[in-house]
């Protein structure tokens, strides 16, 4: 379930750097978020950017499949690569969603 090495359309997982505990305890982060902000990104922004990237990959895969089906392109290999990228990124997004829901349910069940 990994993305191909050197994939230009791969999800940028570097935005998770700002969640590093060492950067939190040191009083801030000098890393840049996916939106180009300097340490002002939130988890919600990183999640939204990742969802948008998955959506872009799905659109690219759909366009490639449509081009093959209509005869506008004969590059089946690139179409399959686009579809696999979209599939892998979607599966990753679903696993992240499942982990977030599990964490939310765990927090809601805590006794205060």
PDB file of N, CA and C in Angstrom:
ATOM      1  N   UNK A   1       0.821  -1.180   0.000  1.00  0.00           N
ATOM      2  CA  UNK A   1       0.000   0.000   0.000  1.00  0.00           C
ATOM      3  C   UNK A   1       0.864   1.242   0.000  1.00  0.00           C
ATOM      4  N   UNK A   2       2.024   1.213  -0.609  1.00  0.00           N
ATOM      5  CA  UNK A   2       2.885   2.386  -0.636  1.00  0.00           C
ATOM      6  C   UNK A   2       2.813   3.042  -1.997  1.00  0.00           C
ATOM      7  N   UNK A   3       3.108   4.333  -1.999  1.00  0.00           N
ATOM      8  CA  UNK A   3       3.110   5.087  -3.239  1.00  0.00           C
ATOM      9  C   UNK A   3       4.424   4.860  -3.959  1.00  0.00           C
ATOM     10  N   UNK A   4       4.427   4.948  -5.282  1.00  0.00           N
ATOM     11  CA  UNK A   4       5.659   4.731  -6.033  1.00  0.00           C
ATOM     12  C   UNK A   4       6.716   5.766  -5.659  1.00  0.00           C
ATOM     13  N   UNK A   5       7.968   5.350  -5.665  1.00  0.00           N
ATOM     14  CA  UNK A   5       9.064   6.251  -5.353  1.00  0.00           C
ATOM     15  C   UNK A   5       9.157   7.293  -6.452  1.00  0.00           C
ATOM     16  N   UNK A   6       9.315   8.545  -6.048  1.00  0.00           N
ATOM     17  CA  UNK A   6       9.441   9.631  -7.001  1.00  0.00           C
ATOM     18  C   UNK A   6       8.124  10.066  -7.602  1.00  0.00           C
ATOM     19  N   UNK A   7       7.025   9.679  -7.018  1.00  0.00           N
ATOM     20  CA  UNK A   7       5.722  10.059  -7.552  1.00  0.00           C
ATOM     21  C   UNK A   7       5.499  11.547  -7.341  1.00  0.00           C
ATOM     22  N   UNK A   8       5.241  12.271  -8.418  1.00  0.00           N
ATOM     23  CA  UNK A   8       5.009  13.703  -8.328  1.00  0.00           C
ATOM     24  C   UNK A   8       3.684  14.011  -7.653  1.00  0.00           C
ATOM     25  N   UNK A   9       2.736  13.117  -7.744  1.00  0.00           N
ATOM     26  CA  UNK A   9       1.407  13.359  -7.199  1.00  0.00           C
ATOM     27  C   UNK A   9       1.198  12.716  -5.842  1.00  0.00           C
ATOM     28  N   UNK A  10       2.271  12.272  -5.190  1.00  0.00           N
ATOM     29  CA  UNK A  10       2.139  11.614  -3.901  1.00  0.00           C
ATOM     30  C   UNK A  10       1.708  12.615  -2.836  1.00  0.00           C
ATOM     31  N   UNK A  11       1.000  12.134  -1.852  1.00  0.00           N
ATOM     32  CA  UNK A  11       0.564  12.984  -0.752  1.00  0.00           C
ATOM     33  C   UNK A  11       1.789  13.420   0.034  1.00  0.00           C
ATOM     34  N   UNK A  12       1.857  14.706   0.347  1.00  0.00           N
ATOM     35  CA  UNK A  12       2.979  15.249   1.090  1.00  0.00           C
ATOM     36  C   UNK A  12       2.772  14.977   2.569  1.00  0.00           C
ATOM     37  N   UNK A  13       3.452  13.975   3.093  1.00  0.00           N
ATOM     38  CA  UNK A  13       3.310  13.621   4.493  1.00  0.00           C
ATOM     39  C   UNK A  13       4.209  14.468   5.387  1.00  0.00           C
ATOM     40  N   UNK A  14       4.987  15.392   4.811  1.00  0.00           N
ATOM     41  CA  UNK A  14       5.867  16.239   5.604  1.00  0.00           C
ATOM     42  C   UNK A  14       5.100  17.232   6.457  1.00  0.00           C
ATOM     43  N   UNK A  15       3.823  17.445   6.179  1.00  0.00           N
ATOM     44  CA  UNK A  15       3.041  18.374   6.985  1.00  0.00           C
ATOM     45  C   UNK A  15       2.816  17.828   8.382  1.00  0.00           C
ATOM     46  N   UNK A  16       3.070  16.557   8.616  1.00  0.00           N
ATOM     47  CA  UNK A  16       2.881  15.964   9.932  1.00  0.00           C
ATOM     48  C   UNK A  16       4.040  16.341  10.851  1.00  0.00           C
ATOM     49  N   UNK A  17       5.117  16.911  10.317  1.00  0.00           N
ATOM     50  CA  UNK A  17       6.251  17.308  11.127  1.00  0.00           C
ATOM     51  C   UNK A  17       5.844  18.236  12.262  1.00  0.00           C
ATOM     52  N   UNK A  18       4.848  19.086  12.017  1.00  0.00           N
ATOM     53  CA  UNK A  18       4.465  20.031  13.049  1.00  0.00           C
ATOM     54  C   UNK A  18       3.802  19.354  14.242  1.00  0.00           C
ATOM     55  N   UNK A  19       3.475  18.082  14.150  1.00  0.00           N
ATOM     56  CA  UNK A  19       2.904  17.346  15.258  1.00  0.00           C
ATOM     57  C   UNK A  19       3.976  16.643  16.088  1.00  0.00           C
ATOM     58  N   UNK A  20       5.238  16.854  15.742  1.00  0.00           N
ATOM     59  CA  UNK A  20       6.351  16.252  16.447  1.00  0.00           C
ATOM     60  C   UNK A  20       6.434  16.785  17.873  1.00  0.00           C
ATOM     61  N   UNK A  21       6.416  15.921  18.897  1.00  0.00           N
ATOM     62  CA  UNK A  21       6.454  16.391  20.286  1.00  0.00           C
ATOM     63  C   UNK A  21       7.677  17.240  20.604  1.00  0.00           C
ATOM     64  N   UNK A  22       8.817  16.975  19.977  1.00  0.00           N
ATOM     65  CA  UNK A  22      10.009  17.767  20.273  1.00  0.00           C
ATOM     66  C   UNK A  22       9.845  19.202  19.803  1.00  0.00           C
ATOM     67  N   UNK A  23       9.137  19.425  18.693  1.00  0.00           N
ATOM     68  CA  UNK A  23       8.924  20.797  18.238  1.00  0.00           C
ATOM     69  C   UNK A  23       7.894  21.514  19.092  1.00  0.00           C
ATOM     70  N   UNK A  24       6.975  20.757  19.702  1.00  0.00           N
ATOM     71  CA  UNK A  24       5.978  21.366  20.583  1.00  0.00           C
ATOM     72  C   UNK A  24       6.636  21.803  21.880  1.00  0.00           C
ATOM     73  N   UNK A  25       7.504  20.964  22.436  1.00  0.00           N
ATOM     74  CA  UNK A  25       8.134  21.290  23.710  1.00  0.00           C
ATOM     75  C   UNK A  25       9.191  22.375  23.566  1.00  0.00           C
ATOM     76  N   UNK A  26       9.717  22.571  22.369  1.00  0.00           N
ATOM     77  CA  UNK A  26      10.739  23.599  22.180  1.00  0.00           C
ATOM     78  C   UNK A  26      10.140  24.974  21.965  1.00  0.00           C
ATOM     79  N   UNK A  27       8.826  25.072  22.021  1.00  0.00           N
ATOM     80  CA  UNK A  27       8.197  26.382  21.954  1.00  0.00           C
ATOM     81  C   UNK A  27       7.771  26.806  20.573  1.00  0.00           C
ATOM     82  N   UNK A  28       7.753  25.926  19.627  1.00  0.00           N
ATOM     83  CA  UNK A  28       7.284  26.319  18.302  1.00  0.00           C
ATOM     84  C   UNK A  28       7.904  25.472  17.228  1.00  0.00           C
ATOM     85  N   UNK A  29       7.474  25.727  16.052  1.00  0.00           N
ATOM     86  CA  UNK A  29       7.946  24.954  14.920  1.00  0.00           C
ATOM     87  C   UNK A  29       8.438  25.895  13.844  1.00  0.00           C
ATOM     88  N   UNK A  30       9.562  25.556  13.254  1.00  0.00           N
ATOM     89  CA  UNK A  30      10.071  26.357  12.150  1.00  0.00           C
ATOM     90  C   UNK A  30       9.762  25.713  10.817  1.00  0.00           C
ATOM     91  N   UNK A  31       9.081  24.559  10.846  1.00  0.00           N
ATOM     92  CA  UNK A  31       8.705  23.869   9.616  1.00  0.00           C
ATOM     93  C   UNK A  31       7.574  24.620   8.934  1.00  0.00           C
ATOM     94  N   UNK A  32       7.489  24.443   7.628  1.00  0.00           N
ATOM     95  CA  UNK A  32       6.391  25.067   6.904  1.00  0.00           C
ATOM     96  C   UNK A  32       5.322  24.042   6.642  1.00  0.00           C
ATOM     97  N   UNK A  33       4.076  24.480   6.664  1.00  0.00           N
ATOM     98  CA  UNK A  33       2.967  23.575   6.407  1.00  0.00           C
ATOM     99  C   UNK A  33       2.725  23.477   4.921  1.00  0.00           C
ATOM    100  N   UNK A  34       1.787  22.620   4.542  1.00  0.00           N
ATOM    101  CA  UNK A  34       1.485  22.417   3.117  1.00  0.00           C
ATOM    102  C   UNK A  34       0.898  23.670   2.498  1.00  0.00           C
ATOM    103  N   UNK A  35       0.281  24.533   3.294  1.00  0.00           N
ATOM    104  CA  UNK A  35      -0.316  25.749   2.770  1.00  0.00           C
ATOM    105  C   UNK A  35       0.719  26.843   2.579  1.00  0.00           C
ATOM    106  N   UNK A  36       1.979  26.592   2.943  1.00  0.00           N
ATOM    107  CA  UNK A  36       3.020  27.574   2.762  1.00  0.00           C
ATOM    108  C   UNK A  36       3.150  28.504   3.954  1.00  0.00           C
ATOM    109  N   UNK A  37       2.417  28.256   5.021  1.00  0.00           N
ATOM    110  CA  UNK A  37       2.493  29.084   6.202  1.00  0.00           C
ATOM    111  C   UNK A  37       3.665  28.613   7.049  1.00  0.00           C
ATOM    112  N   UNK A  38       4.158  29.473   7.912  1.00  0.00           N
ATOM    113  CA  UNK A  38       5.296  29.125   8.757  1.00  0.00           C
ATOM    114  C   UNK A  38       4.822  28.764  10.151  1.00  0.00           C
ATOM    115  N   UNK A  39       4.548  27.475  10.388  1.00  0.00           N
ATOM    116  CA  UNK A  39       4.168  27.008  11.706  1.00  0.00           C
ATOM    117  C   UNK A  39       2.761  27.364  12.129  1.00  0.00           C
ATOM    118  N   UNK A  40       1.958  27.956  11.269  1.00  0.00           N
ATOM    119  CA  UNK A  40       0.604  28.353  11.630  1.00  0.00           C
ATOM    120  C   UNK A  40      -0.439  27.338  11.186  1.00  0.00           C
ATOM    121  N   UNK A  41      -0.021  26.258  10.543  1.00  0.00           N
ATOM    122  CA  UNK A  41      -0.961  25.251  10.067  1.00  0.00           C
ATOM    123  C   UNK A  41      -1.510  24.432  11.215  1.00  0.00           C
ATOM    124  N   UNK A  42      -2.716  23.966  11.057  1.00  0.00           N
ATOM    125  CA  UNK A  42      -3.328  23.117  12.071  1.00  0.00           C
ATOM    126  C   UNK A  42      -3.501  21.714  11.505  1.00  0.00           C
ATOM    127  N   UNK A  43      -3.873  20.801  12.390  1.00  0.00           N
ATOM    128  CA  UNK A  43      -4.121  19.438  11.944  1.00  0.00           C
ATOM    129  C   UNK A  43      -5.271  19.415  10.949  1.00  0.00           C
ATOM    130  N   UNK A  44      -6.283  20.243  11.186  1.00  0.00           N
ATOM    131  CA  UNK A  44      -7.431  20.309  10.277  1.00  0.00           C
ATOM    132  C   UNK A  44      -6.995  20.764   8.892  1.00  0.00           C
ATOM    133  N   UNK A  45      -6.081  21.749   8.833  1.00  0.00           N
ATOM    134  CA  UNK A  45      -5.585  22.217   7.541  1.00  0.00           C
ATOM    135  C   UNK A  45      -4.800  21.125   6.817  1.00  0.00           C
ATOM    136  N   UNK A  46      -3.953  20.421   7.569  1.00  0.00           N
ATOM    137  CA  UNK A  46      -3.173  19.338   6.963  1.00  0.00           C
ATOM    138  C   UNK A  46      -4.094  18.240   6.444  1.00  0.00           C
ATOM    139  N   UNK A  47      -5.126  17.925   7.226  1.00  0.00           N
ATOM    140  CA  UNK A  47      -6.077  16.893   6.813  1.00  0.00           C
ATOM    141  C   UNK A  47      -6.847  17.336   5.575  1.00  0.00           C
ATOM    142  N   UNK A  48      -7.283  18.591   5.557  1.00  0.00           N
ATOM    143  CA  UNK A  48      -8.016  19.113   4.408  1.00  0.00           C
ATOM    144  C   UNK A  48      -7.147  19.124   3.153  1.00  0.00           C
ATOM    145  N   UNK A  49      -5.886  19.516   3.298  1.00  0.00           N
ATOM    146  CA  UNK A  49      -4.970  19.507   2.146  1.00  0.00           C
ATOM    147  C   UNK A  49      -4.764  18.089   1.618  1.00  0.00           C
ATOM    148  N   UNK A  50      -4.659  17.126   2.523  1.00  0.00           N
ATOM    149  CA  UNK A  50      -4.495  15.737   2.097  1.00  0.00           C
ATOM    150  C   UNK A  50      -5.735  15.220   1.379  1.00  0.00           C
ATOM    151  N   UNK A  51      -6.908  15.585   1.882  1.00  0.00           N
ATOM    152  CA  UNK A  51      -8.156  15.170   1.229  1.00  0.00           C
ATOM    153  C   UNK A  51      -8.259  15.793  -0.159  1.00  0.00           C
ATOM    154  N   UNK A  52      -7.879  17.057  -0.268  1.00  0.00           N
ATOM    155  CA  UNK A  52      -7.901  17.716  -1.579  1.00  0.00           C
ATOM    156  C   UNK A  52      -6.932  17.045  -2.547  1.00  0.00           C
ATOM    157  N   UNK A  53      -5.772  16.618  -2.040  1.00  0.00           N
ATOM    158  CA  UNK A  53      -4.798  15.941  -2.895  1.00  0.00           C
ATOM    159  C   UNK A  53      -5.336  14.591  -3.369  1.00  0.00           C
ATOM    160  N   UNK A  54      -6.015  13.865  -2.480  1.00  0.00           N
ATOM    161  CA  UNK A  54      -6.632  12.591  -2.868  1.00  0.00           C
ATOM    162  C   UNK A  54      -7.683  12.845  -3.945  1.00  0.00           C
ATOM    163  N   UNK A  55      -8.445  13.904  -3.790  1.00  0.00           N
ATOM    164  CA  UNK A  55      -9.459  14.258  -4.785  1.00  0.00           C
ATOM    165  C   UNK A  55      -8.821  14.575  -6.140  1.00  0.00           C
ATOM    166  N   UNK A  56      -7.700  15.290  -6.117  1.00  0.00           N
ATOM    167  CA  UNK A  56      -6.990  15.586  -7.366  1.00  0.00           C
ATOM    168  C   UNK A  56      -6.503  14.303  -8.036  1.00  0.00           C
ATOM    169  N   UNK A  57      -5.967  13.380  -7.239  1.00  0.00           N
ATOM    170  CA  UNK A  57      -5.493  12.111  -7.795  1.00  0.00           C
ATOM    171  C   UNK A  57      -6.635  11.302  -8.390  1.00  0.00           C
ATOM    172  N   UNK A  58      -7.804  11.331  -7.737  1.00  0.00           N
ATOM    173  CA  UNK A  58      -8.982  10.635  -8.275  1.00  0.00           C
ATOM    174  C   UNK A  58      -9.388  11.260  -9.615  1.00  0.00           C
ATOM    175  N   UNK A  59      -9.353  12.590  -9.690  1.00  0.00           N
ATOM    176  CA  UNK A  59      -9.697  13.272 -10.942  1.00  0.00           C
ATOM    177  C   UNK A  59      -8.728  12.933 -12.058  1.00  0.00           C
ATOM    178  N   UNK A  60      -7.446  12.895 -11.732  1.00  0.00           N
ATOM    179  CA  UNK A  60      -6.434  12.537 -12.731  1.00  0.00           C
ATOM    180  C   UNK A  60      -6.648  11.111 -13.232  1.00  0.00           C
ATOM    181  N   UNK A  61      -6.953  10.204 -12.315  1.00  0.00           N
ATOM    182  CA  UNK A  61      -7.204   8.811 -12.707  1.00  0.00           C
ATOM    183  C   UNK A  61      -8.442   8.713 -13.587  1.00  0.00           C
ATOM    184  N   UNK A  62      -9.489   9.462 -13.234  1.00  0.00           N
ATOM    185  CA  UNK A  62     -10.700   9.452 -14.057  1.00  0.00           C
ATOM    186  C   UNK A  62     -10.427   9.999 -15.455  1.00  0.00           C
ATOM    187  N   UNK A  63      -9.655  11.078 -15.529  1.00  0.00           N
ATOM    188  CA  UNK A  63      -9.324  11.659 -16.842  1.00  0.00           C
ATOM    189  C   UNK A  63      -8.492  10.688 -17.680  1.00  0.00           C
ATOM    190  N   UNK A  64      -7.551   9.997 -17.039  1.00  0.00           N
ATOM    191  CA  UNK A  64      -6.728   9.019 -17.763  1.00  0.00           C
ATOM    192  C   UNK A  64      -7.577   7.866 -18.279  1.00  0.00           C
ATOM    193  N   UNK A  65      -8.481   7.367 -17.431  1.00  0.00           N
ATOM    194  CA  UNK A  65      -9.350   6.260 -17.850  1.00  0.00           C
ATOM    195  C   UNK A  65     -10.282   6.703 -18.975  1.00  0.00           C
ATOM    196  N   UNK A  66     -10.781   7.914 -18.878  1.00  0.00           N
ATOM    197  CA  UNK A  66     -11.664   8.422 -19.934  1.00  0.00           C
ATOM    198  C   UNK A  66     -10.916   8.583 -21.251  1.00  0.00           C
ATOM    199  N   UNK A  67      -9.656   9.052 -21.167  1.00  0.00           N
ATOM    200  CA  UNK A  67      -8.850   9.214 -22.381  1.00  0.00           C
ATOM    201  C   UNK A  67      -8.584   7.868 -23.050  1.00  0.00           C
ATOM    202  N   UNK A  68      -8.355   6.840 -22.243  1.00  0.00           N
ATOM    203  CA  UNK A  68      -8.143   5.497 -22.797  1.00  0.00           C
ATOM    204  C   UNK A  68      -9.437   4.980 -23.417  1.00  0.00           C
ATOM    205  N   UNK A  69     -10.557   5.171 -22.726  1.00  0.00           N
ATOM    206  CA  UNK A  69     -11.838   4.644 -23.202  1.00  0.00           C
ATOM    207  C   UNK A  69     -12.303   5.322 -24.488  1.00  0.00           C
ATOM    208  N   UNK A  70     -12.000   6.601 -24.637  1.00  0.00           N
ATOM    209  CA  UNK A  70     -12.446   7.324 -25.831  1.00  0.00           C
ATOM    210  C   UNK A  70     -11.434   7.259 -26.963  1.00  0.00           C
ATOM    211  N   UNK A  71     -10.268   6.677 -26.720  1.00  0.00           N
ATOM    212  CA  UNK A  71      -9.263   6.546 -27.764  1.00  0.00           C
ATOM    213  C   UNK A  71      -8.388   7.770 -27.929  1.00  0.00           C
ATOM    214  N   UNK A  72      -8.496   8.748 -27.016  1.00  0.00           N
ATOM    215  CA  UNK A  72      -7.664   9.952 -27.104  1.00  0.00           C
ATOM    216  C   UNK A  72      -6.231   9.680 -26.680  1.00  0.00           C
ATOM    217  N   UNK A  73      -6.035   8.600 -25.947  1.00  0.00           N
ATOM    218  CA  UNK A  73      -4.700   8.238 -25.483  1.00  0.00           C
ATOM    219  C   UNK A  73      -4.532   6.732 -25.606  1.00  0.00           C
ATOM    220  N   UNK A  74      -3.301   6.319 -25.863  1.00  0.00           N
ATOM    221  CA  UNK A  74      -3.022   4.887 -25.914  1.00  0.00           C
ATOM    222  C   UNK A  74      -2.016   4.499 -24.834  1.00  0.00           C
ATOM    223  N   UNK A  75      -1.762   5.414 -23.892  1.00  0.00           N
ATOM    224  CA  UNK A  75      -0.795   5.177 -22.832  1.00  0.00           C
ATOM    225  C   UNK A  75      -1.480   4.493 -21.650  1.00  0.00           C
ATOM    226  N   UNK A  76      -1.672   3.189 -21.796  1.00  0.00           N
ATOM    227  CA  UNK A  76      -2.353   2.411 -20.765  1.00  0.00           C
ATOM    228  C   UNK A  76      -1.525   2.331 -19.492  1.00  0.00           C
ATOM    229  N   UNK A  77      -0.217   2.301 -19.650  1.00  0.00           N
ATOM    230  CA  UNK A  77       0.657   2.205 -18.486  1.00  0.00           C
ATOM    231  C   UNK A  77       0.475   3.406 -17.555  1.00  0.00           C
ATOM    232  N   UNK A  78       0.470   4.611 -18.118  1.00  0.00           N
ATOM    233  CA  UNK A  78       0.303   5.812 -17.289  1.00  0.00           C
ATOM    234  C   UNK A  78      -1.087   5.848 -16.659  1.00  0.00           C
ATOM    235  N   UNK A  79      -2.082   5.386 -17.394  1.00  0.00           N
ATOM    236  CA  UNK A  79      -3.436   5.345 -16.839  1.00  0.00           C
ATOM    237  C   UNK A  79      -3.501   4.400 -15.647  1.00  0.00           C
ATOM    238  N   UNK A  80      -2.847   3.251 -15.756  1.00  0.00           N
ATOM    239  CA  UNK A  80      -2.834   2.307 -14.637  1.00  0.00           C
ATOM    240  C   UNK A  80      -2.060   2.867 -13.451  1.00  0.00           C
ATOM    241  N   UNK A  81      -0.974   3.552 -13.715  1.00  0.00           N
ATOM    242  CA  UNK A  81      -0.206   4.176 -12.635  1.00  0.00           C
ATOM    243  C   UNK A  81      -1.057   5.222 -11.923  1.00  0.00           C
ATOM    244  N   UNK A  82      -1.761   6.051 -12.697  1.00  0.00           N
ATOM    245  CA  UNK A  82      -2.637   7.066 -12.106  1.00  0.00           C
ATOM    246  C   UNK A  82      -3.731   6.428 -11.259  1.00  0.00           C
ATOM    247  N   UNK A  83      -4.302   5.336 -11.755  1.00  0.00           N
ATOM    248  CA  UNK A  83      -5.358   4.658 -11.001  1.00  0.00           C
ATOM    249  C   UNK A  83      -4.825   4.035  -9.715  1.00  0.00           C
ATOM    250  N   UNK A  84      -3.634   3.462  -9.760  1.00  0.00           N
ATOM    251  CA  UNK A  84      -3.046   2.869  -8.557  1.00  0.00           C
ATOM    252  C   UNK A  84      -2.687   3.942  -7.529  1.00  0.00           C
ATOM    253  N   UNK A  85      -2.168   5.086  -8.008  1.00  0.00           N
ATOM    254  CA  UNK A  85      -1.887   6.194  -7.089  1.00  0.00           C
ATOM    255  C   UNK A  85      -3.168   6.645  -6.406  1.00  0.00           C
ATOM    256  N   UNK A  86      -4.228   6.789  -7.175  1.00  0.00           N
ATOM    257  CA  UNK A  86      -5.504   7.222  -6.618  1.00  0.00           C
ATOM    258  C   UNK A  86      -6.037   6.193  -5.637  1.00  0.00           C
ATOM    259  N   UNK A  87      -5.929   4.916  -5.981  1.00  0.00           N
ATOM    260  CA  UNK A  87      -6.406   3.858  -5.102  1.00  0.00           C
ATOM    261  C   UNK A  87      -5.612   3.810  -3.800  1.00  0.00           C
ATOM    262  N   UNK A  88      -4.282   3.865  -3.900  1.00  0.00           N
ATOM    263  CA  UNK A  88      -3.445   3.814  -2.696  1.00  0.00           C
ATOM    264  C   UNK A  88      -3.681   5.013  -1.794  1.00  0.00           C
ATOM    265  N   UNK A  89      -3.789   6.193  -2.397  1.00  0.00           N
ATOM    266  CA  UNK A  89      -4.014   7.391  -1.579  1.00  0.00           C
ATOM    267  C   UNK A  89      -5.391   7.354  -0.928  1.00  0.00           C
ATOM    268  N   UNK A  90      -6.386   6.812  -1.626  1.00  0.00           N
ATOM    269  CA  UNK A  90      -7.725   6.704  -1.044  1.00  0.00           C
ATOM    270  C   UNK A  90      -7.728   5.719   0.125  1.00  0.00           C
ATOM    271  N   UNK A  91      -7.048   4.591  -0.053  1.00  0.00           N
ATOM    272  CA  UNK A  91      -6.960   3.614   1.031  1.00  0.00           C
ATOM    273  C   UNK A  91      -6.251   4.196   2.248  1.00  0.00           C
ATOM    274  N   UNK A  92      -5.187   4.955   2.016  1.00  0.00           N
ATOM    275  CA  UNK A  92      -4.481   5.611   3.112  1.00  0.00           C
ATOM    276  C   UNK A  92      -5.398   6.604   3.821  1.00  0.00           C
ATOM    277  N   UNK A  93      -6.145   7.385   3.051  1.00  0.00           N
ATOM    278  CA  UNK A  93      -7.069   8.350   3.636  1.00  0.00           C
ATOM    279  C   UNK A  93      -8.125   7.639   4.485  1.00  0.00           C
ATOM    280  N   UNK A  94      -8.621   6.507   4.018  1.00  0.00           N
ATOM    281  CA  UNK A  94      -9.625   5.776   4.780  1.00  0.00           C
ATOM    282  C   UNK A  94      -9.040   5.216   6.079  1.00  0.00           C
ATOM    283  N   UNK A  95      -7.795   4.767   6.049  1.00  0.00           N
ATOM    284  CA  UNK A  95      -7.156   4.280   7.265  1.00  0.00           C
ATOM    285  C   UNK A  95      -6.945   5.408   8.273  1.00  0.00           C
ATOM    286  N   UNK A  96      -6.565   6.580   7.780  1.00  0.00           N
ATOM    287  CA  UNK A  96      -6.419   7.740   8.666  1.00  0.00           C
ATOM    288  C   UNK A  96      -7.771   8.106   9.258  1.00  0.00           C
ATOM    289  N   UNK A  97      -8.813   8.088   8.444  1.00  0.00           N
ATOM    290  CA  UNK A  97     -10.165   8.377   8.938  1.00  0.00           C
ATOM    291  C   UNK A  97     -10.571   7.384  10.018  1.00  0.00           C
ATOM    292  N   UNK A  98     -10.292   6.105   9.806  1.00  0.00           N
ATOM    293  CA  UNK A  98     -10.636   5.086  10.795  1.00  0.00           C
ATOM    294  C   UNK A  98      -9.890   5.314  12.108  1.00  0.00           C
ATOM    295  N   UNK A  99      -8.616   5.693  12.020  1.00  0.00           N
ATOM    296  CA  UNK A  99      -7.840   5.964  13.234  1.00  0.00           C
ATOM    297  C   UNK A  99      -8.389   7.181  13.966  1.00  0.00           C
ATOM    298  N   UNK A 100      -8.787   8.210  13.233  1.00  0.00           N
ATOM    299  CA  UNK A 100      -9.347   9.411  13.857  1.00  0.00           C
ATOM    300  C   UNK A 100     -10.661   9.081  14.554  1.00  0.00           C
ATOM    301  N   UNK A 101     -11.503   8.289  13.917  1.00  0.00           N
ATOM    302  CA  UNK A 101     -12.775   7.904  14.528  1.00  0.00           C
ATOM    303  C   UNK A 101     -12.543   7.058  15.775  1.00  0.00           C
ATOM    304  N   UNK A 102     -11.587   6.136  15.715  1.00  0.00           N
ATOM    305  CA  UNK A 102     -11.263   5.314  16.881  1.00  0.00           C
ATOM    306  C   UNK A 102     -10.756   6.182  18.033  1.00  0.00           C
ATOM    307  N   UNK A 103      -9.887   7.142  17.727  1.00  0.00           N
ATOM    308  CA  UNK A 103      -9.377   8.038  18.767  1.00  0.00           C
ATOM    309  C   UNK A 103     -10.494   8.875  19.361  1.00  0.00           C
ATOM    310  N   UNK A 104     -11.396   9.376  18.515  1.00  0.00           N
ATOM    311  CA  UNK A 104     -12.522  10.167  18.992  1.00  0.00           C
ATOM    312  C   UNK A 104     -13.415   9.334  19.922  1.00  0.00           C
ATOM    313  N   UNK A 105     -13.726   8.112  19.504  1.00  0.00           N
ATOM    314  CA  UNK A 105     -14.558   7.237  20.349  1.00  0.00           C
ATOM    315  C   UNK A 105     -13.884   6.913  21.669  1.00  0.00           C
ATOM    316  N   UNK A 106     -12.573   6.713  21.646  1.00  0.00           N
ATOM    317  CA  UNK A 106     -11.827   6.444  22.879  1.00  0.00           C
ATOM    318  C   UNK A 106     -11.890   7.640  23.820  1.00  0.00           C
ATOM    319  N   UNK A 107     -11.716   8.824  23.285  1.00  0.00           N
ATOM    320  CA  UNK A 107     -11.779  10.038  24.098  1.00  0.00           C
ATOM    321  C   UNK A 107     -13.181  10.230  24.671  1.00  0.00           C
ATOM    322  N   UNK A 108     -14.197   9.961  23.881  1.00  0.00           N
ATOM    323  CA  UNK A 108     -15.582  10.147  24.343  1.00  0.00           C
ATOM    324  C   UNK A 108     -15.953   9.139  25.429  1.00  0.00           C
ATOM    325  N   UNK A 109     -15.292   7.989  25.476  1.00  0.00           N
ATOM    326  CA  UNK A 109     -15.590   6.985  26.478  1.00  0.00           C
ATOM    327  C   UNK A 109     -14.810   7.185  27.776  1.00  0.00           C
ATOM    328  N   UNK A 110     -13.898   8.171  27.801  1.00  0.00           N
ATOM    329  CA  UNK A 110     -13.093   8.402  29.000  1.00  0.00           C
ATOM    330  C   UNK A 110     -13.964   8.946  30.131  1.00  0.00           C
ATOM    331  N   UNK A 111     -13.664   8.472  31.323  1.00  0.00           N
ATOM    332  CA  UNK A 111     -14.344   8.972  32.524  1.00  0.00           C
ATOM    333  C   UNK A 111     -13.630  10.252  32.969  1.00  0.00           C
ATOM    334  N   UNK A 112     -14.422  11.279  33.230  1.00  0.00           N
ATOM    335  CA  UNK A 112     -13.817  12.553  33.655  1.00  0.00           C
ATOM    336  C   UNK A 112     -14.070  12.783  35.110  1.00  0.00           C
TER     337      UNK A 112
END
